[in-house]
Amino acid sequence: MDFASLYHFLFETFEGIGLLVLIGLTISVLACVIMEWKTRRTFKDRGPVEEDDDDFTFFDDED
């Protein structure tokens, strides 16, 4: 597969554009999860947090 056919697939077909969108969303979500995880690890000793019991957090530590 040469560069011209790869370019044609990625930027000139519906499947290629969908693939680019999916890759972009995946990379964005992965970057957000990593940054959130590092932020929570850095600022873990900020005191008690008043949360409702019915609130859902993705990074909830069951301590």
Protein backbone atom coordinates (compact mmCIF):
# COMPACT_ATOMS: atom_id res chain seq x y z
CA MET A 1 0.00 0.00 0.00
CA ASP A 2 1.58 3.24 -1.07
CA PHE A 3 1.09 6.68 0.46
CA ALA A 4 -1.41 7.82 -2.18
CA SER A 5 -3.79 4.95 -1.51
CA LEU A 6 -3.47 5.41 2.27
CA TYR A 7 -4.21 9.13 1.89
CA HIS A 8 -7.19 8.35 -0.33
CA PHE A 9 -8.57 5.87 2.21
CA LEU A 10 -8.13 8.13 5.25
CA PHE A 11 -9.29 11.45 3.83
CA GLU A 12 -11.56 10.65 0.89
CA THR A 13 -13.74 7.75 2.08
CA PHE A 14 -16.42 7.62 4.77
CA GLU A 15 -14.75 4.65 6.44
CA GLY A 16 -11.39 6.44 6.62
CA ILE A 17 -12.87 9.61 8.06
CA GLY A 18 -14.79 7.54 10.60
CA LEU A 19 -11.57 5.79 11.53
CA LEU A 20 -9.79 9.12 12.02
CA VAL A 21 -12.64 10.39 14.23
CA LEU A 22 -12.61 7.19 16.28
CA ILE A 23 -8.84 7.35 16.74
CA GLY A 24 -9.07 11.01 17.78
CA LEU A 25 -11.80 10.29 20.34
CA THR A 26 -9.89 7.34 21.74
CA ILE A 27 -6.69 9.33 22.15
CA SER A 28 -8.58 12.22 23.75
CA VAL A 29 -10.38 10.01 26.27
CA LEU A 30 -7.17 8.18 27.11
CA ALA A 31 -5.32 11.48 27.65
CA CYS A 32 -8.13 12.79 29.88
CA VAL A 33 -8.15 9.64 32.01
CA ILE A 34 -4.38 9.73 32.45
CA MET A 35 -4.37 13.44 33.36
CA GLU A 36 -7.23 12.98 35.83
CA TRP A 37 -5.50 10.02 37.43
CA LYS A 38 -2.22 11.93 37.83
CA THR A 39 -4.03 14.98 39.22
CA ARG A 40 -5.86 12.90 41.83
CA ARG A 41 -2.59 11.20 42.78
CA THR A 42 -0.82 14.55 43.14
CA PHE A 43 -3.55 16.28 45.18
CA LYS A 44 -4.68 13.34 47.32
CA ASP A 45 -4.20 15.11 50.68
CA ARG A 46 -6.49 18.11 50.24
CA GLY A 47 -8.75 17.30 53.16
CA PRO A 48 -12.17 15.73 53.35
CA VAL A 49 -14.50 16.16 50.44
CA GLU A 50 -18.20 16.53 51.14
CA GLU A 51 -19.89 14.25 48.63
CA ASP A 52 -23.36 12.86 48.42
CA ASP A 53 -23.59 9.09 48.75
CA ASP A 54 -25.43 8.81 45.43
CA ASP A 55 -22.76 10.67 43.43
CA PHE A 56 -20.85 8.48 40.99
CA THR A 57 -17.18 9.12 40.36
CA PHE A 58 -15.18 7.18 37.85
CA PHE A 59 -12.05 7.30 40.00
CA ASP A 60 -13.74 6.56 43.31
CA ASP A 61 -11.38 4.92 45.75
CA GLU A 62 -13.24 2.67 48.15
CA ASP A 63 -11.15 3.64 51.18
